[in-house]
N, C-alpha and C. Protein backbone atom coordinates (compact mmCIF):
# COMPACT_ATOMS: atom_id res chain seq x y z
N MET A 1 5.08 -97.98 114.36
CA MET A 1 6.46 -98.49 114.42
C MET A 1 6.47 -99.96 114.02
N PRO A 2 7.32 -100.37 113.05
CA PRO A 2 7.36 -101.77 112.63
C PRO A 2 7.85 -102.64 113.77
N PRO A 3 7.42 -103.92 113.80
CA PRO A 3 7.84 -104.81 114.89
C PRO A 3 9.33 -105.09 114.82
N SER A 4 9.94 -105.31 115.98
CA SER A 4 11.36 -105.65 116.04
C SER A 4 11.55 -107.06 115.53
N SER A 5 12.83 -107.44 115.30
CA SER A 5 13.12 -108.79 114.82
C SER A 5 12.62 -109.83 115.81
N GLY A 6 12.75 -109.52 117.13
CA GLY A 6 12.28 -110.46 118.14
C GLY A 6 10.78 -110.62 118.09
N GLU A 7 10.06 -109.50 117.91
CA GLU A 7 8.60 -109.55 117.83
C GLU A 7 8.14 -110.31 116.59
N ARG A 8 8.87 -110.12 115.47
CA ARG A 8 8.50 -110.83 114.24
C ARG A 8 8.67 -112.34 114.42
N LEU A 9 9.73 -112.73 115.12
CA LEU A 9 9.95 -114.15 115.36
C LEU A 9 8.86 -114.74 116.24
N ILE A 10 8.42 -113.98 117.23
CA ILE A 10 7.34 -114.44 118.09
C ILE A 10 6.05 -114.59 117.27
N GLN A 11 5.83 -113.63 116.37
CA GLN A 11 4.65 -113.72 115.50
C GLN A 11 4.70 -114.96 114.63
N LEU A 12 5.90 -115.26 114.10
CA LEU A 12 6.06 -116.47 113.29
C LEU A 12 5.76 -117.72 114.11
N GLY A 13 6.18 -117.70 115.37
CA GLY A 13 5.91 -118.84 116.24
C GLY A 13 4.43 -119.03 116.44
N ASN A 14 3.69 -117.92 116.62
CA ASN A 14 2.24 -118.00 116.79
C ASN A 14 1.57 -118.52 115.53
N ILE A 15 2.07 -118.07 114.38
CA ILE A 15 1.53 -118.54 113.10
C ILE A 15 1.76 -120.04 112.97
N TYR A 16 2.96 -120.47 113.36
CA TYR A 16 3.29 -121.90 113.28
C TYR A 16 2.34 -122.74 114.12
N ARG A 17 2.09 -122.30 115.38
CA ARG A 17 1.23 -123.08 116.25
C ARG A 17 -0.19 -123.15 115.72
N ALA A 18 -0.66 -122.04 115.14
CA ALA A 18 -2.00 -122.04 114.56
C ALA A 18 -2.04 -122.95 113.34
N SER A 19 -0.96 -122.95 112.56
CA SER A 19 -0.89 -123.78 111.36
C SER A 19 -0.88 -125.25 111.71
N GLN A 20 -0.25 -125.58 112.84
CA GLN A 20 -0.18 -126.98 113.26
C GLN A 20 -1.58 -127.58 113.37
N LYS A 21 -2.48 -126.81 113.98
CA LYS A 21 -3.83 -127.32 114.20
C LYS A 21 -4.53 -127.58 112.88
N ARG A 22 -4.40 -126.62 111.94
CA ARG A 22 -5.08 -126.76 110.65
C ARG A 22 -4.49 -127.90 109.85
N ILE A 23 -3.14 -127.97 109.83
CA ILE A 23 -2.48 -128.99 109.02
C ILE A 23 -2.70 -130.38 109.60
N ALA A 24 -2.75 -130.48 110.94
CA ALA A 24 -2.94 -131.79 111.58
C ALA A 24 -4.26 -132.41 111.15
N THR A 25 -5.29 -131.55 111.04
CA THR A 25 -6.60 -132.05 110.63
C THR A 25 -6.55 -132.62 109.22
N LYS A 26 -5.89 -131.88 108.32
CA LYS A 26 -5.79 -132.33 106.93
C LYS A 26 -4.90 -133.56 106.82
N SER A 27 -3.89 -133.64 107.68
CA SER A 27 -2.94 -134.73 107.60
C SER A 27 -3.56 -136.06 107.99
N GLN A 28 -4.64 -136.00 108.80
CA GLN A 28 -5.29 -137.24 109.22
C GLN A 28 -5.84 -138.01 108.02
N ARG A 29 -6.10 -137.28 106.94
CA ARG A 29 -6.64 -137.92 105.74
C ARG A 29 -5.55 -138.68 104.99
N HIS A 30 -4.28 -138.33 105.28
CA HIS A 30 -3.15 -138.95 104.59
C HIS A 30 -2.14 -139.39 105.62
N GLU A 31 -2.51 -140.38 106.42
CA GLU A 31 -1.63 -140.83 107.49
C GLU A 31 -0.30 -141.28 106.94
N GLY A 32 0.76 -140.90 107.66
CA GLY A 32 2.11 -141.29 107.24
C GLY A 32 2.74 -140.30 106.31
N VAL A 33 1.98 -139.30 105.83
CA VAL A 33 2.52 -138.29 104.92
C VAL A 33 2.58 -136.96 105.66
N VAL A 34 3.78 -136.38 105.74
CA VAL A 34 3.95 -135.09 106.41
C VAL A 34 4.00 -134.00 105.35
N PRO A 35 3.05 -133.09 105.35
CA PRO A 35 3.03 -132.03 104.33
C PRO A 35 4.34 -131.25 104.34
N TRP A 36 4.82 -130.89 103.12
CA TRP A 36 6.08 -130.16 103.02
C TRP A 36 6.02 -128.84 103.74
N CYS A 37 4.85 -128.21 103.78
CA CYS A 37 4.75 -126.91 104.44
C CYS A 37 4.95 -127.05 105.94
N LEU A 38 4.49 -128.20 106.51
CA LEU A 38 4.69 -128.41 107.93
C LEU A 38 6.17 -128.55 108.24
N CYS A 39 6.90 -129.27 107.36
CA CYS A 39 8.35 -129.42 107.55
C CYS A 39 9.03 -128.06 107.55
N ALA A 40 8.62 -127.23 106.60
CA ALA A 40 9.24 -125.91 106.48
C ALA A 40 8.98 -125.06 107.72
N ILE A 41 7.73 -125.14 108.22
CA ILE A 41 7.38 -124.33 109.39
C ILE A 41 8.13 -124.81 110.61
N VAL A 42 8.28 -126.13 110.74
CA VAL A 42 9.01 -126.68 111.88
C VAL A 42 10.46 -126.20 111.86
N ILE A 43 11.08 -126.24 110.67
CA ILE A 43 12.46 -125.77 110.54
C ILE A 43 12.55 -124.30 110.89
N LEU A 44 11.58 -123.52 110.40
CA LEU A 44 11.56 -122.09 110.69
C LEU A 44 11.42 -121.85 112.18
N ASP A 45 10.55 -122.64 112.82
CA ASP A 45 10.33 -122.46 114.25
C ASP A 45 11.60 -122.80 115.05
N ILE A 46 12.31 -123.84 114.63
CA ILE A 46 13.54 -124.22 115.32
C ILE A 46 14.58 -123.12 115.18
N ASN A 47 14.73 -122.60 113.95
CA ASN A 47 15.70 -121.53 113.72
C ASN A 47 15.33 -120.27 114.50
N SER A 48 14.04 -119.96 114.51
CA SER A 48 13.58 -118.76 115.21
C SER A 48 13.86 -118.88 116.71
N THR A 49 13.59 -120.05 117.26
CA THR A 49 13.84 -120.27 118.69
C THR A 49 15.32 -120.09 119.00
N HIS A 50 16.18 -120.60 118.09
CA HIS A 50 17.62 -120.49 118.29
C HIS A 50 18.06 -119.03 118.29
N ILE A 51 17.51 -118.25 117.36
CA ILE A 51 17.86 -116.84 117.27
C ILE A 51 17.40 -116.09 118.52
N LEU A 52 16.17 -116.40 118.97
CA LEU A 52 15.66 -115.75 120.16
C LEU A 52 16.49 -116.10 121.38
N ARG A 53 16.92 -117.36 121.47
CA ARG A 53 17.73 -117.78 122.60
C ARG A 53 19.06 -117.03 122.61
N GLU A 54 19.67 -116.87 121.41
CA GLU A 54 20.93 -116.15 121.34
C GLU A 54 20.75 -114.70 121.75
N ARG A 55 19.63 -114.09 121.32
CA ARG A 55 19.38 -112.70 121.67
C ARG A 55 19.19 -112.55 123.17
N ASN A 56 18.48 -113.50 123.79
CA ASN A 56 18.23 -113.42 125.21
C ASN A 56 19.51 -113.61 126.02
N MET A 57 20.53 -114.23 125.41
CA MET A 57 21.78 -114.48 126.11
C MET A 57 22.71 -113.26 126.09
N ALA A 58 22.33 -112.21 125.34
CA ALA A 58 23.16 -111.02 125.26
C ALA A 58 23.24 -110.36 126.64
N THR A 59 24.43 -109.90 127.00
CA THR A 59 24.61 -109.23 128.28
C THR A 59 24.29 -107.75 128.15
N THR A 60 24.17 -107.08 129.28
CA THR A 60 23.94 -105.63 129.25
C THR A 60 25.11 -104.92 128.57
N LEU A 61 26.31 -105.43 128.78
CA LEU A 61 27.47 -104.82 128.12
C LEU A 61 27.36 -104.96 126.61
N ASP A 62 26.91 -106.13 126.14
CA ASP A 62 26.69 -106.32 124.69
C ASP A 62 25.67 -105.31 124.19
N ASN A 63 24.60 -105.14 124.95
CA ASN A 63 23.55 -104.20 124.55
C ASN A 63 24.06 -102.77 124.52
N LEU A 64 24.90 -102.42 125.50
CA LEU A 64 25.46 -101.08 125.54
C LEU A 64 26.35 -100.81 124.33
N LYS A 65 27.15 -101.81 123.95
CA LYS A 65 28.03 -101.65 122.79
C LYS A 65 27.20 -101.45 121.52
N GLU A 66 26.14 -102.24 121.39
CA GLU A 66 25.28 -102.11 120.21
C GLU A 66 24.58 -100.76 120.20
N ALA A 67 24.08 -100.34 121.37
CA ALA A 67 23.38 -99.06 121.46
C ALA A 67 24.33 -97.90 121.20
N PHE A 68 25.54 -97.98 121.74
CA PHE A 68 26.52 -96.90 121.53
C PHE A 68 26.86 -96.77 120.05
N ALA A 69 27.08 -97.90 119.39
CA ALA A 69 27.40 -97.86 117.96
C ALA A 69 26.24 -97.27 117.16
N GLY A 70 25.02 -97.69 117.49
CA GLY A 70 23.85 -97.21 116.76
C GLY A 70 23.63 -95.72 116.94
N GLU A 71 23.73 -95.25 118.18
CA GLU A 71 23.51 -93.83 118.46
C GLU A 71 24.62 -92.97 117.86
N SER A 72 25.85 -93.47 117.89
CA SER A 72 26.97 -92.71 117.33
C SER A 72 26.80 -92.55 115.82
N GLN A 73 26.39 -93.63 115.17
CA GLN A 73 26.17 -93.58 113.73
C GLN A 73 25.00 -92.65 113.39
N ALA A 74 23.96 -92.70 114.21
CA ALA A 74 22.80 -91.83 113.97
C ALA A 74 23.21 -90.37 114.10
N ASN A 75 24.04 -90.06 115.09
CA ASN A 75 24.51 -88.69 115.28
C ASN A 75 25.20 -88.17 114.02
N GLN A 76 26.14 -88.93 113.51
CA GLN A 76 26.89 -88.48 112.33
C GLN A 76 26.01 -88.45 111.09
N LYS A 77 25.12 -89.42 110.98
CA LYS A 77 24.23 -89.48 109.82
C LYS A 77 23.32 -88.25 109.78
N TYR A 78 22.76 -87.89 110.92
CA TYR A 78 21.86 -86.74 110.96
C TYR A 78 22.58 -85.43 110.70
N LEU A 79 23.83 -85.33 111.15
CA LEU A 79 24.61 -84.13 110.85
C LEU A 79 24.85 -84.01 109.35
N SER A 80 25.10 -85.14 108.70
CA SER A 80 25.28 -85.13 107.25
C SER A 80 23.97 -84.78 106.55
N PHE A 81 22.86 -85.29 107.08
CA PHE A 81 21.55 -84.95 106.52
C PHE A 81 21.28 -83.46 106.68
N ALA A 82 21.72 -82.88 107.80
CA ALA A 82 21.50 -81.45 108.05
C ALA A 82 22.24 -80.61 107.02
N LYS A 83 23.47 -81.01 106.70
CA LYS A 83 24.24 -80.28 105.69
C LYS A 83 23.51 -80.29 104.35
N LYS A 84 22.96 -81.44 104.00
CA LYS A 84 22.24 -81.55 102.73
C LYS A 84 21.00 -80.67 102.73
N ALA A 85 20.28 -80.66 103.84
CA ALA A 85 19.08 -79.83 103.93
C ALA A 85 19.44 -78.34 103.80
N GLU A 86 20.56 -77.95 104.41
CA GLU A 86 21.01 -76.55 104.30
C GLU A 86 21.31 -76.20 102.84
N GLN A 87 21.96 -77.12 102.14
CA GLN A 87 22.29 -76.90 100.74
C GLN A 87 21.03 -76.72 99.90
N GLU A 88 19.95 -77.39 100.32
CA GLU A 88 18.69 -77.30 99.58
C GLU A 88 17.81 -76.16 100.08
N GLY A 89 18.35 -75.36 101.02
CA GLY A 89 17.60 -74.21 101.51
C GLY A 89 16.52 -74.56 102.52
N LEU A 90 16.55 -75.78 103.07
CA LEU A 90 15.53 -76.22 104.03
C LEU A 90 16.11 -76.06 105.44
N HIS A 91 16.16 -74.84 105.91
CA HIS A 91 16.90 -74.52 107.11
C HIS A 91 16.27 -75.07 108.39
N ASN A 92 14.95 -75.08 108.46
CA ASN A 92 14.31 -75.62 109.65
C ASN A 92 14.48 -77.14 109.73
N ILE A 93 14.41 -77.80 108.59
CA ILE A 93 14.63 -79.25 108.58
C ILE A 93 16.08 -79.55 108.95
N ALA A 94 16.98 -78.70 108.49
CA ALA A 94 18.39 -78.86 108.86
C ALA A 94 18.54 -78.71 110.37
N ARG A 95 17.82 -77.75 110.94
CA ARG A 95 17.88 -77.54 112.39
C ARG A 95 17.32 -78.75 113.13
N LEU A 96 16.27 -79.35 112.59
CA LEU A 96 15.70 -80.55 113.19
C LEU A 96 16.72 -81.68 113.21
N PHE A 97 17.40 -81.88 112.08
CA PHE A 97 18.42 -82.93 112.02
C PHE A 97 19.54 -82.68 113.03
N ARG A 98 19.98 -81.42 113.14
CA ARG A 98 21.05 -81.10 114.08
C ARG A 98 20.61 -81.31 115.53
N THR A 99 19.38 -80.94 115.83
CA THR A 99 18.86 -81.11 117.18
C THR A 99 18.76 -82.58 117.54
N THR A 100 18.25 -83.37 116.61
CA THR A 100 18.13 -84.81 116.86
C THR A 100 19.51 -85.45 116.96
N ALA A 101 20.45 -84.97 116.16
CA ALA A 101 21.82 -85.48 116.23
C ALA A 101 22.39 -85.25 117.62
N GLU A 102 22.10 -84.08 118.19
CA GLU A 102 22.58 -83.77 119.54
C GLU A 102 21.94 -84.70 120.56
N ALA A 103 20.66 -85.02 120.35
CA ALA A 103 19.97 -85.95 121.24
C ALA A 103 20.62 -87.33 121.19
N GLU A 104 20.95 -87.77 119.98
CA GLU A 104 21.60 -89.09 119.84
C GLU A 104 22.98 -89.07 120.49
N LYS A 105 23.66 -87.92 120.45
CA LYS A 105 24.96 -87.80 121.10
C LYS A 105 24.83 -87.95 122.61
N ILE A 106 23.75 -87.37 123.16
CA ILE A 106 23.50 -87.51 124.59
C ILE A 106 23.34 -88.98 124.96
N HIS A 107 22.58 -89.69 124.15
CA HIS A 107 22.39 -91.13 124.39
C HIS A 107 23.73 -91.87 124.30
N ALA A 108 24.48 -91.58 123.25
CA ALA A 108 25.76 -92.28 123.04
C ALA A 108 26.72 -92.04 124.19
N GLU A 109 26.81 -90.79 124.64
CA GLU A 109 27.71 -90.48 125.75
C GLU A 109 27.28 -91.20 127.03
N GLY A 110 25.98 -91.29 127.23
CA GLY A 110 25.47 -92.00 128.39
C GLY A 110 25.83 -93.48 128.35
N HIS A 111 25.70 -94.07 127.16
CA HIS A 111 26.04 -95.49 127.01
C HIS A 111 27.54 -95.71 127.22
N LEU A 112 28.35 -94.81 126.69
CA LEU A 112 29.80 -94.95 126.84
C LEU A 112 30.21 -94.88 128.31
N LYS A 113 29.59 -93.97 129.06
CA LYS A 113 29.89 -93.86 130.48
C LYS A 113 29.45 -95.11 131.22
N SER A 114 28.31 -95.67 130.83
CA SER A 114 27.83 -96.90 131.47
C SER A 114 28.76 -98.07 131.20
N MET A 115 29.48 -98.01 130.10
CA MET A 115 30.46 -99.06 129.78
C MET A 115 31.80 -98.81 130.45
N GLU A 116 31.87 -97.73 131.24
CA GLU A 116 33.14 -97.32 131.84
C GLU A 116 34.17 -97.05 130.75
N GLY A 117 33.68 -96.46 129.66
CA GLY A 117 34.54 -96.21 128.51
C GLY A 117 35.32 -94.91 128.57
N VAL A 118 35.11 -94.12 129.61
CA VAL A 118 35.83 -92.85 129.75
C VAL A 118 36.71 -92.93 130.99
N GLY A 119 38.02 -92.86 130.79
CA GLY A 119 38.95 -92.94 131.91
C GLY A 119 39.62 -91.61 132.16
N THR A 120 40.86 -91.66 132.63
CA THR A 120 41.64 -90.43 132.77
C THR A 120 42.05 -89.98 131.38
N THR A 121 42.54 -88.76 131.26
CA THR A 121 42.96 -88.28 129.94
C THR A 121 44.08 -89.15 129.38
N ALA A 122 45.00 -89.59 130.23
CA ALA A 122 46.07 -90.46 129.76
C ALA A 122 45.52 -91.78 129.25
N GLN A 123 44.56 -92.34 129.98
CA GLN A 123 43.93 -93.58 129.54
C GLN A 123 43.16 -93.37 128.24
N ASN A 124 42.47 -92.25 128.14
CA ASN A 124 41.70 -91.96 126.93
C ASN A 124 42.63 -91.77 125.72
N LEU A 125 43.77 -91.13 125.94
CA LEU A 125 44.74 -90.95 124.86
C LEU A 125 45.28 -92.29 124.39
N GLN A 126 45.55 -93.19 125.33
CA GLN A 126 46.04 -94.51 124.95
C GLN A 126 44.98 -95.27 124.16
N ALA A 127 43.72 -95.14 124.58
CA ALA A 127 42.63 -95.78 123.85
C ALA A 127 42.53 -95.20 122.43
N ALA A 128 42.73 -93.89 122.33
CA ALA A 128 42.68 -93.24 121.02
C ALA A 128 43.83 -93.72 120.13
N ILE A 129 45.02 -93.85 120.72
CA ILE A 129 46.18 -94.34 119.97
C ILE A 129 45.91 -95.76 119.46
N ASP A 130 45.38 -96.59 120.34
CA ASP A 130 45.09 -97.98 119.95
C ASP A 130 44.07 -98.02 118.81
N GLY A 131 43.05 -97.19 118.92
CA GLY A 131 42.01 -97.17 117.89
C GLY A 131 42.52 -96.68 116.55
N GLU A 132 43.25 -95.57 116.55
CA GLU A 132 43.78 -95.02 115.31
C GLU A 132 44.79 -95.97 114.67
N THR A 133 45.62 -96.59 115.52
CA THR A 133 46.63 -97.53 115.01
C THR A 133 45.97 -98.73 114.36
N TYR A 134 44.94 -99.24 115.01
CA TYR A 134 44.20 -100.38 114.43
C TYR A 134 43.61 -100.00 113.08
N GLU A 135 43.09 -98.80 112.99
CA GLU A 135 42.44 -98.38 111.75
C GLU A 135 43.42 -98.30 110.58
N TYR A 136 44.60 -97.70 110.81
CA TYR A 136 45.50 -97.53 109.66
C TYR A 136 46.38 -98.76 109.39
N THR A 137 46.46 -99.66 110.36
CA THR A 137 47.29 -100.87 110.13
C THR A 137 46.46 -102.09 109.77
N ASN A 138 45.27 -102.23 110.36
CA ASN A 138 44.49 -103.46 110.16
C ASN A 138 43.16 -103.25 109.44
N MET A 139 42.46 -102.19 109.77
CA MET A 139 41.10 -102.03 109.24
C MET A 139 41.06 -101.50 107.82
N TYR A 140 41.70 -100.35 107.59
CA TYR A 140 41.56 -99.70 106.29
C TYR A 140 42.34 -100.33 105.13
N PRO A 141 43.55 -100.85 105.34
CA PRO A 141 44.28 -101.40 104.19
C PRO A 141 43.51 -102.44 103.39
N PRO A 142 42.89 -103.47 104.02
CA PRO A 142 42.13 -104.43 103.20
C PRO A 142 40.88 -103.81 102.59
N MET A 143 40.30 -102.84 103.28
CA MET A 143 39.13 -102.15 102.71
C MET A 143 39.53 -101.39 101.46
N LEU A 144 40.67 -100.71 101.53
CA LEU A 144 41.17 -99.97 100.38
C LEU A 144 41.47 -100.91 99.22
N LYS A 145 42.10 -102.02 99.53
CA LYS A 145 42.45 -103.00 98.49
C LYS A 145 41.19 -103.52 97.80
N GLN A 146 40.15 -103.82 98.58
CA GLN A 146 38.91 -104.31 98.00
C GLN A 146 38.23 -103.25 97.15
N ALA A 147 38.22 -102.02 97.66
CA ALA A 147 37.58 -100.94 96.91
C ALA A 147 38.30 -100.68 95.59
N GLU A 148 39.62 -100.80 95.61
CA GLU A 148 40.39 -100.61 94.37
C GLU A 148 40.10 -101.75 93.40
N ALA A 149 39.98 -102.96 93.92
CA ALA A 149 39.66 -104.10 93.05
C ALA A 149 38.28 -103.94 92.43
N ASP A 150 37.35 -103.35 93.20
CA ASP A 150 35.99 -103.14 92.72
C ASP A 150 35.86 -101.84 91.94
N ASN A 151 36.93 -101.06 91.91
CA ASN A 151 36.91 -99.73 91.31
C ASN A 151 35.74 -98.91 91.87
N HIS A 152 35.60 -98.99 93.19
CA HIS A 152 34.50 -98.31 93.90
C HIS A 152 34.98 -96.93 94.35
N LYS A 153 34.06 -95.97 94.36
CA LYS A 153 34.44 -94.61 94.75
C LYS A 153 34.91 -94.53 96.21
N ALA A 154 34.61 -95.55 97.00
CA ALA A 154 35.04 -95.57 98.40
C ALA A 154 36.56 -95.58 98.52
N LYS A 155 37.25 -95.99 97.46
CA LYS A 155 38.72 -96.07 97.53
C LYS A 155 39.34 -94.71 97.82
N ARG A 156 38.69 -93.65 97.43
CA ARG A 156 39.22 -92.30 97.67
C ARG A 156 39.31 -92.01 99.17
N MET A 157 38.20 -92.15 99.90
CA MET A 157 38.21 -91.85 101.32
C MET A 157 38.95 -92.90 102.13
N PHE A 158 38.89 -94.16 101.70
CA PHE A 158 39.67 -95.20 102.37
C PHE A 158 41.16 -94.84 102.30
N GLY A 159 41.61 -94.39 101.13
CA GLY A 159 43.00 -94.02 100.96
C GLY A 159 43.39 -92.83 101.82
N TYR A 160 42.50 -91.84 101.87
CA TYR A 160 42.76 -90.68 102.72
C TYR A 160 42.87 -91.12 104.19
N ALA A 161 41.94 -91.98 104.60
CA ALA A 161 41.87 -92.38 106.00
C ALA A 161 43.12 -93.12 106.44
N VAL A 162 43.66 -93.99 105.59
CA VAL A 162 44.87 -94.74 105.95
C VAL A 162 45.98 -93.79 106.36
N GLU A 163 46.17 -92.75 105.58
CA GLU A 163 47.26 -91.80 105.87
C GLU A 163 46.91 -90.86 107.02
N ALA A 164 45.68 -90.39 107.05
CA ALA A 164 45.29 -89.44 108.09
C ALA A 164 45.28 -90.08 109.47
N GLU A 165 44.82 -91.32 109.58
CA GLU A 165 44.76 -91.97 110.89
C GLU A 165 46.16 -92.18 111.46
N ALA A 166 47.14 -92.42 110.60
CA ALA A 166 48.52 -92.59 111.07
C ALA A 166 49.02 -91.29 111.69
N VAL A 167 48.65 -90.17 111.10
CA VAL A 167 49.04 -88.86 111.65
C VAL A 167 48.33 -88.63 112.98
N HIS A 168 47.06 -88.99 113.04
CA HIS A 168 46.31 -88.82 114.29
C HIS A 168 46.98 -89.58 115.43
N ALA A 169 47.37 -90.83 115.16
CA ALA A 169 48.02 -91.65 116.18
C ALA A 169 49.32 -90.99 116.65
N LYS A 170 50.07 -90.43 115.73
CA LYS A 170 51.34 -89.78 116.06
C LYS A 170 51.12 -88.58 116.97
N ILE A 171 50.11 -87.78 116.67
CA ILE A 171 49.83 -86.60 117.48
C ILE A 171 49.32 -87.01 118.86
N TYR A 172 48.49 -88.03 118.90
CA TYR A 172 48.01 -88.53 120.19
C TYR A 172 49.17 -89.01 121.06
N LYS A 173 50.18 -89.62 120.46
CA LYS A 173 51.34 -90.08 121.23
C LYS A 173 52.08 -88.90 121.84
N MET A 174 52.17 -87.81 121.10
CA MET A 174 52.79 -86.59 121.64
C MET A 174 51.99 -86.09 122.85
N ALA A 175 50.67 -86.11 122.70
CA ALA A 175 49.81 -85.63 123.78
C ALA A 175 49.91 -86.55 125.00
N LEU A 176 50.05 -87.85 124.76
CA LEU A 176 50.14 -88.80 125.87
C LEU A 176 51.42 -88.57 126.67
N GLU A 177 52.50 -88.28 125.99
CA GLU A 177 53.76 -88.01 126.69
C GLU A 177 53.62 -86.79 127.60
N ALA A 178 52.92 -85.80 127.13
CA ALA A 178 52.69 -84.61 127.95
C ALA A 178 51.78 -84.93 129.12
N ALA A 179 50.70 -85.67 128.85
CA ALA A 179 49.73 -86.00 129.90
C ALA A 179 50.36 -86.83 131.01
N LYS A 180 51.29 -87.72 130.65
CA LYS A 180 51.95 -88.54 131.66
C LYS A 180 52.78 -87.70 132.62
N GLN A 181 53.18 -86.53 132.16
CA GLN A 181 53.94 -85.60 133.00
C GLN A 181 53.04 -84.58 133.67
N GLY A 182 51.73 -84.79 133.51
CA GLY A 182 50.78 -83.86 134.10
C GLY A 182 50.70 -82.54 133.39
N LYS A 183 51.11 -82.53 132.12
CA LYS A 183 51.13 -81.29 131.35
C LYS A 183 50.16 -81.34 130.17
N ASP A 184 49.82 -80.16 129.71
CA ASP A 184 48.98 -80.04 128.51
C ASP A 184 49.90 -79.78 127.32
N LEU A 185 49.38 -79.94 126.13
CA LEU A 185 50.12 -79.54 124.93
C LEU A 185 50.10 -78.02 124.87
N THR A 186 51.24 -77.41 124.77
CA THR A 186 51.30 -75.95 124.75
C THR A 186 52.00 -75.46 123.48
N GLY A 187 51.63 -74.26 123.10
CA GLY A 187 52.26 -73.65 121.93
C GLY A 187 51.97 -74.38 120.63
N VAL A 188 50.84 -75.09 120.59
CA VAL A 188 50.50 -75.86 119.39
C VAL A 188 49.10 -75.49 118.92
N ASP A 189 48.98 -75.22 117.64
CA ASP A 189 47.67 -74.99 117.03
C ASP A 189 47.40 -76.14 116.06
N PHE A 190 46.17 -76.59 116.03
CA PHE A 190 45.79 -77.70 115.16
C PHE A 190 44.97 -77.19 113.99
N TYR A 191 45.36 -77.56 112.80
CA TYR A 191 44.64 -77.18 111.60
C TYR A 191 44.20 -78.45 110.87
N LEU A 192 42.92 -78.48 110.52
CA LEU A 192 42.31 -79.67 109.92
C LEU A 192 42.04 -79.48 108.44
N CYS A 193 42.44 -80.47 107.66
CA CYS A 193 42.08 -80.46 106.24
C CYS A 193 40.62 -80.90 106.14
N PRO A 194 39.75 -80.06 105.59
CA PRO A 194 38.33 -80.39 105.54
C PRO A 194 37.96 -81.43 104.48
N VAL A 195 38.94 -81.87 103.72
CA VAL A 195 38.66 -82.84 102.67
C VAL A 195 39.01 -84.27 103.10
N CYS A 196 40.19 -84.44 103.70
CA CYS A 196 40.66 -85.80 104.00
C CYS A 196 40.82 -86.10 105.48
N GLY A 197 40.78 -85.07 106.34
CA GLY A 197 40.92 -85.32 107.77
C GLY A 197 42.34 -85.28 108.28
N TYR A 198 43.29 -84.90 107.45
CA TYR A 198 44.68 -84.75 107.89
C TYR A 198 44.77 -83.57 108.86
N ILE A 199 45.61 -83.70 109.90
CA ILE A 199 45.79 -82.64 110.88
C ILE A 199 47.22 -82.12 110.81
N GLU A 200 47.34 -80.81 110.71
CA GLU A 200 48.65 -80.15 110.66
C GLU A 200 48.90 -79.43 111.98
N LEU A 201 50.11 -79.58 112.52
CA LEU A 201 50.49 -78.83 113.72
C LEU A 201 51.03 -77.48 113.29
N GLY A 202 50.35 -76.43 113.68
CA GLY A 202 50.74 -75.11 113.23
C GLY A 202 50.05 -74.75 111.92
N LYS A 203 49.99 -73.47 111.63
CA LYS A 203 49.31 -73.02 110.43
C LYS A 203 50.02 -73.54 109.19
N PRO A 204 49.31 -74.25 108.33
CA PRO A 204 49.95 -74.85 107.15
C PRO A 204 50.39 -73.79 106.14
N THR A 205 51.50 -74.05 105.53
CA THR A 205 52.02 -73.14 104.51
C THR A 205 52.06 -73.82 103.14
N LYS A 206 51.80 -75.14 103.14
CA LYS A 206 51.80 -75.89 101.90
C LYS A 206 50.49 -76.65 101.77
N GLU A 207 50.26 -77.18 100.60
CA GLU A 207 49.04 -77.96 100.38
C GLU A 207 49.05 -79.23 101.22
N CYS A 208 47.88 -79.79 101.43
CA CYS A 208 47.75 -81.00 102.23
C CYS A 208 48.58 -82.12 101.62
N PRO A 209 49.43 -82.79 102.42
CA PRO A 209 50.28 -83.86 101.89
C PRO A 209 49.49 -85.12 101.54
N VAL A 210 48.25 -85.20 101.99
CA VAL A 210 47.44 -86.40 101.72
C VAL A 210 46.58 -86.23 100.48
N CYS A 211 45.85 -85.11 100.42
CA CYS A 211 44.90 -84.95 99.31
C CYS A 211 45.17 -83.74 98.41
N GLY A 212 46.13 -82.89 98.79
CA GLY A 212 46.47 -81.76 97.94
C GLY A 212 45.62 -80.52 98.13
N THR A 213 44.78 -80.51 99.15
CA THR A 213 43.95 -79.33 99.41
C THR A 213 44.85 -78.12 99.74
N LYS A 214 44.49 -76.96 99.25
CA LYS A 214 45.30 -75.77 99.46
C LYS A 214 45.37 -75.39 100.94
N ALA A 215 46.50 -74.82 101.35
CA ALA A 215 46.76 -74.48 102.75
C ALA A 215 45.69 -73.56 103.33
N GLU A 216 45.22 -72.61 102.53
CA GLU A 216 44.26 -71.65 103.05
C GLU A 216 42.88 -72.26 103.32
N LYS A 217 42.66 -73.48 102.86
CA LYS A 217 41.39 -74.16 103.08
C LYS A 217 41.34 -74.87 104.44
N PHE A 218 42.47 -75.04 105.10
CA PHE A 218 42.50 -75.70 106.39
C PHE A 218 41.72 -74.89 107.41
N VAL A 219 41.13 -75.59 108.38
CA VAL A 219 40.30 -74.91 109.39
C VAL A 219 40.74 -75.31 110.80
N GLN A 220 40.43 -74.44 111.76
CA GLN A 220 40.63 -74.75 113.17
C GLN A 220 39.29 -75.11 113.79
N VAL A 221 39.29 -76.14 114.59
CA VAL A 221 38.03 -76.61 115.18
C VAL A 221 37.91 -76.09 116.61
């Protein structure tokens, strides 16, 4: 396993201290002259110490947030890797990716609970509304604009996400109104567009309004 960033910085510090002894001996021959390499090492050591100090100042909550983000991303990444392995006929490797993805999900859920990130259903719905609203109003629009300026292929999914997240927020608001009354959503079926993430209430009869996917392609989760 490669050393962590903290371990690498400690190694650099050890190298610096060893270098000091060697350079000091040579420097005695040229009193008043500080070798450029010593200056560079000193600067590196100062920066390294600063980085280590900042890392040590991180709280457990900061660590939980970082761990939750990392495990959540690993979960989704491995699921995507599993799909690719299946396409290539490597079924056992696909199973390995899916199993590991489930393991990362266990870690992520544990971290989220430790952060007190799971409340009542009403609280969770409000958190979901806030998150989806932030995504379609603040996060994705500038990303889409940049991707369009760069003519990057990411503009396709960014564009889909802007519209789909707005629909998600709207449906969550409906669910929140029901939850506040102690009720569940009833008489509603959810159909998902597998291309853009748009959600339709009830079986769709028309193509996806976001990406144009045919109605019969929608799936229930």
